[in-house]
Amino acid sequence: MELREHVIDLPGRIFIGNGIISKIEEYLLESRLEGPYLIITGHNVRRLVVESVLDKLSSADLLVAEVDDANLDEVKKAEELSKTKNIRTV
């Protein structure tokens, strides 16, 4: 079964689908999201995916934050990092 691209519109947009990383720059342009950008990821996803994202967005102003657990403490750290680094898109 092939997973097709799917877009969910909430207060923000969520893009889901097989091979979606190859279109990340297109999605950012389409969404008119302003940088700098913050990517929040766990260790395994960073190892598997983030380098591909960085390759696709080599011209963008990106910061990658790796978290150990999905919890409120990590959310607070990401919020603080966003403020101190003037991040506009997470």
N, C-alpha and C. Protein backbone atom coordinates (compact mmCIF):
# COMPACT_ATOMS: atom_id res chain seq x y z
N MET A 1 0.84 -1.17 0.00
CA MET A 1 0.00 0.00 0.00
C MET A 1 0.89 1.24 0.00
N GLU A 2 0.63 2.13 -0.92
CA GLU A 2 1.42 3.35 -1.03
C GLU A 2 0.77 4.47 -0.22
N LEU A 3 1.57 5.12 0.60
CA LEU A 3 1.08 6.25 1.39
C LEU A 3 1.23 7.51 0.56
N ARG A 4 0.11 8.15 0.27
CA ARG A 4 0.15 9.39 -0.50
C ARG A 4 0.33 10.57 0.44
N GLU A 5 0.69 11.67 -0.15
CA GLU A 5 0.85 12.91 0.60
C GLU A 5 -0.49 13.33 1.20
N HIS A 6 -0.46 13.85 2.40
CA HIS A 6 -1.67 14.31 3.07
C HIS A 6 -1.32 15.59 3.82
N VAL A 7 -2.17 16.58 3.70
CA VAL A 7 -1.95 17.86 4.38
C VAL A 7 -3.08 18.07 5.38
N ILE A 8 -2.72 18.39 6.62
CA ILE A 8 -3.69 18.67 7.67
C ILE A 8 -3.58 20.15 8.01
N ASP A 9 -4.70 20.86 7.91
CA ASP A 9 -4.71 22.28 8.26
C ASP A 9 -5.26 22.47 9.66
N LEU A 10 -4.42 22.88 10.56
CA LEU A 10 -4.78 23.25 11.92
C LEU A 10 -4.41 24.72 12.05
N PRO A 11 -4.14 25.20 13.22
CA PRO A 11 -3.57 26.55 13.26
C PRO A 11 -2.27 26.63 12.44
N GLY A 12 -1.57 25.52 12.34
CA GLY A 12 -0.41 25.40 11.47
C GLY A 12 -0.67 24.25 10.51
N ARG A 13 0.17 24.09 9.51
CA ARG A 13 -0.02 23.00 8.56
C ARG A 13 0.91 21.85 8.91
N ILE A 14 0.40 20.63 8.77
CA ILE A 14 1.18 19.42 9.01
C ILE A 14 1.19 18.64 7.71
N PHE A 15 2.38 18.31 7.23
CA PHE A 15 2.53 17.54 5.99
C PHE A 15 2.97 16.14 6.35
N ILE A 16 2.25 15.15 5.83
CA ILE A 16 2.54 13.75 6.13
C ILE A 16 2.62 13.00 4.81
N GLY A 17 3.59 12.09 4.69
CA GLY A 17 3.62 11.25 3.50
C GLY A 17 4.99 10.67 3.22
N ASN A 18 4.99 9.63 2.41
CA ASN A 18 6.21 8.95 2.01
C ASN A 18 7.03 9.86 1.10
N GLY A 19 8.28 10.05 1.42
CA GLY A 19 9.16 10.87 0.59
C GLY A 19 8.92 12.36 0.73
N ILE A 20 8.22 12.75 1.76
CA ILE A 20 7.84 14.15 1.92
C ILE A 20 9.05 15.07 2.14
N ILE A 21 10.12 14.53 2.66
CA ILE A 21 11.33 15.33 2.91
C ILE A 21 11.86 15.94 1.62
N SER A 22 11.72 15.21 0.51
CA SER A 22 12.23 15.72 -0.76
C SER A 22 11.50 16.98 -1.21
N LYS A 23 10.33 17.26 -0.64
CA LYS A 23 9.54 18.43 -1.03
C LYS A 23 9.53 19.52 0.05
N ILE A 24 10.37 19.41 1.05
CA ILE A 24 10.28 20.33 2.19
C ILE A 24 10.47 21.79 1.80
N GLU A 25 11.40 22.06 0.90
CA GLU A 25 11.62 23.45 0.50
C GLU A 25 10.37 24.00 -0.20
N GLU A 26 9.76 23.18 -1.04
CA GLU A 26 8.52 23.57 -1.73
C GLU A 26 7.42 23.90 -0.71
N TYR A 27 7.27 23.08 0.33
CA TYR A 27 6.25 23.32 1.34
C TYR A 27 6.52 24.60 2.12
N LEU A 28 7.75 24.85 2.45
CA LEU A 28 8.07 26.09 3.17
C LEU A 28 7.76 27.32 2.32
N LEU A 29 8.12 27.26 1.04
CA LEU A 29 7.82 28.38 0.15
C LEU A 29 6.32 28.56 0.00
N GLU A 30 5.60 27.46 -0.21
CA GLU A 30 4.15 27.50 -0.36
C GLU A 30 3.47 28.06 0.89
N SER A 31 3.98 27.70 2.04
CA SER A 31 3.39 28.15 3.31
C SER A 31 3.81 29.56 3.69
N ARG A 32 4.77 30.09 2.96
CA ARG A 32 5.30 31.43 3.23
C ARG A 32 5.80 31.57 4.67
N LEU A 33 6.42 30.53 5.15
CA LEU A 33 6.98 30.55 6.50
C LEU A 33 8.31 31.28 6.48
N GLU A 34 8.49 32.17 7.41
CA GLU A 34 9.71 32.95 7.47
C GLU A 34 10.73 32.31 8.39
N GLY A 35 12.00 32.36 8.00
CA GLY A 35 13.07 31.87 8.85
C GLY A 35 13.51 32.95 9.81
N PRO A 36 14.41 32.65 10.68
CA PRO A 36 15.10 31.36 10.79
C PRO A 36 14.16 30.26 11.28
N TYR A 37 14.55 29.02 11.00
CA TYR A 37 13.74 27.85 11.30
C TYR A 37 14.40 27.02 12.40
N LEU A 38 13.57 26.38 13.22
CA LEU A 38 14.05 25.46 14.25
C LEU A 38 13.44 24.10 13.99
N ILE A 39 14.28 23.09 13.87
CA ILE A 39 13.83 21.71 13.74
C ILE A 39 14.05 21.04 15.08
N ILE A 40 12.98 20.50 15.66
CA ILE A 40 13.07 19.79 16.93
C ILE A 40 12.91 18.31 16.64
N THR A 41 13.86 17.51 17.10
CA THR A 41 13.86 16.10 16.75
C THR A 41 14.47 15.26 17.87
N GLY A 42 14.16 14.01 17.86
CA GLY A 42 14.81 13.06 18.74
C GLY A 42 16.05 12.50 18.07
N HIS A 43 16.84 11.74 18.80
CA HIS A 43 18.10 11.21 18.28
C HIS A 43 17.90 10.33 17.05
N ASN A 44 16.97 9.38 17.11
CA ASN A 44 16.78 8.46 15.98
C ASN A 44 16.31 9.16 14.72
N VAL A 45 15.35 10.06 14.86
CA VAL A 45 14.86 10.79 13.68
C VAL A 45 15.97 11.67 13.13
N ARG A 46 16.74 12.29 14.02
CA ARG A 46 17.85 13.12 13.54
C ARG A 46 18.81 12.28 12.72
N ARG A 47 19.13 11.13 13.22
CA ARG A 47 20.07 10.24 12.53
C ARG A 47 19.51 9.81 11.17
N LEU A 48 18.21 9.55 11.09
CA LEU A 48 17.61 9.02 9.88
C LEU A 48 17.16 10.08 8.88
N VAL A 49 16.73 11.23 9.37
CA VAL A 49 16.04 12.18 8.49
C VAL A 49 16.66 13.57 8.43
N VAL A 50 17.12 14.08 9.54
CA VAL A 50 17.49 15.49 9.60
C VAL A 50 18.59 15.85 8.61
N GLU A 51 19.55 14.99 8.40
CA GLU A 51 20.61 15.31 7.44
C GLU A 51 20.03 15.53 6.05
N SER A 52 18.99 14.75 5.68
CA SER A 52 18.32 14.94 4.39
C SER A 52 17.65 16.31 4.33
N VAL A 53 17.03 16.70 5.43
CA VAL A 53 16.39 18.01 5.49
C VAL A 53 17.44 19.10 5.34
N LEU A 54 18.53 18.98 6.04
CA LEU A 54 19.59 19.99 5.96
C LEU A 54 20.15 20.08 4.55
N ASP A 55 20.28 18.94 3.87
CA ASP A 55 20.75 18.95 2.48
C ASP A 55 19.77 19.68 1.58
N LYS A 56 18.48 19.46 1.79
CA LYS A 56 17.44 20.09 0.95
C LYS A 56 17.33 21.59 1.22
N LEU A 57 17.66 22.02 2.40
CA LEU A 57 17.50 23.41 2.80
C LEU A 57 18.84 24.08 3.10
N SER A 58 19.82 23.78 2.32
CA SER A 58 21.16 24.28 2.61
C SER A 58 21.23 25.80 2.60
N SER A 59 20.33 26.45 1.88
CA SER A 59 20.37 27.91 1.83
C SER A 59 19.54 28.56 2.94
N ALA A 60 18.76 27.77 3.66
CA ALA A 60 17.90 28.33 4.71
C ALA A 60 18.68 28.50 6.01
N ASP A 61 18.18 29.37 6.85
CA ASP A 61 18.76 29.61 8.16
C ASP A 61 18.13 28.63 9.14
N LEU A 62 18.82 27.51 9.40
CA LEU A 62 18.27 26.42 10.20
C LEU A 62 19.04 26.21 11.49
N LEU A 63 18.32 25.85 12.52
CA LEU A 63 18.91 25.43 13.78
C LEU A 63 18.23 24.12 14.15
N VAL A 64 19.00 23.12 14.54
CA VAL A 64 18.44 21.82 14.91
C VAL A 64 18.64 21.62 16.41
N ALA A 65 17.55 21.30 17.11
CA ALA A 65 17.60 21.01 18.54
C ALA A 65 17.20 19.56 18.75
N GLU A 66 18.06 18.81 19.40
CA GLU A 66 17.76 17.41 19.68
C GLU A 66 17.23 17.28 21.10
N VAL A 67 16.12 16.55 21.24
CA VAL A 67 15.51 16.34 22.56
C VAL A 67 15.61 14.87 22.95
N ASP A 68 15.64 14.62 24.25
CA ASP A 68 15.72 13.25 24.75
C ASP A 68 14.34 12.62 24.90
N ASP A 69 13.37 13.41 25.33
CA ASP A 69 12.03 12.90 25.60
C ASP A 69 11.00 13.90 25.10
N ALA A 70 9.79 13.41 24.84
CA ALA A 70 8.68 14.28 24.48
C ALA A 70 7.95 14.66 25.77
N ASN A 71 8.31 15.81 26.33
CA ASN A 71 7.67 16.25 27.57
C ASN A 71 7.67 17.78 27.65
N LEU A 72 6.98 18.31 28.64
CA LEU A 72 6.84 19.77 28.76
C LEU A 72 8.15 20.48 29.03
N ASP A 73 9.07 19.84 29.72
CA ASP A 73 10.38 20.46 29.95
C ASP A 73 11.08 20.72 28.63
N GLU A 74 11.00 19.77 27.72
CA GLU A 74 11.63 19.94 26.41
C GLU A 74 10.92 21.02 25.60
N VAL A 75 9.60 21.12 25.74
CA VAL A 75 8.83 22.17 25.06
C VAL A 75 9.29 23.54 25.57
N LYS A 76 9.45 23.66 26.87
CA LYS A 76 9.90 24.93 27.45
C LYS A 76 11.30 25.29 26.97
N LYS A 77 12.17 24.30 26.86
CA LYS A 77 13.52 24.55 26.34
C LYS A 77 13.45 25.04 24.90
N ALA A 78 12.59 24.42 24.10
CA ALA A 78 12.44 24.83 22.70
C ALA A 78 11.88 26.24 22.60
N GLU A 79 10.93 26.58 23.45
CA GLU A 79 10.38 27.94 23.47
C GLU A 79 11.47 28.95 23.81
N GLU A 80 12.26 28.65 24.81
CA GLU A 80 13.33 29.55 25.22
C GLU A 80 14.37 29.70 24.10
N LEU A 81 14.73 28.59 23.48
CA LEU A 81 15.68 28.63 22.37
C LEU A 81 15.13 29.48 21.23
N SER A 82 13.84 29.32 20.94
CA SER A 82 13.20 30.10 19.88
C SER A 82 13.29 31.59 20.17
N LYS A 83 13.08 31.96 21.42
CA LYS A 83 13.13 33.38 21.80
C LYS A 83 14.55 33.92 21.71
N THR A 84 15.51 33.19 22.25
CA THR A 84 16.88 33.70 22.28
C THR A 84 17.52 33.75 20.89
N LYS A 85 17.10 32.88 20.00
CA LYS A 85 17.67 32.84 18.64
C LYS A 85 16.78 33.52 17.61
N ASN A 86 15.69 34.17 18.08
CA ASN A 86 14.76 34.86 17.20
C ASN A 86 14.21 33.94 16.10
N ILE A 87 13.83 32.73 16.50
CA ILE A 87 13.28 31.75 15.57
C ILE A 87 11.84 32.12 15.26
N ARG A 88 11.48 32.09 13.98
CA ARG A 88 10.11 32.41 13.58
C ARG A 88 9.27 31.18 13.27
N THR A 89 9.90 30.11 12.83
CA THR A 89 9.17 28.92 12.41
C THR A 89 9.77 27.69 13.07
N VAL A 90 8.92 26.92 13.78
CA VAL A 90 9.35 25.70 14.45
C VAL A 90 8.66 24.53 13.79
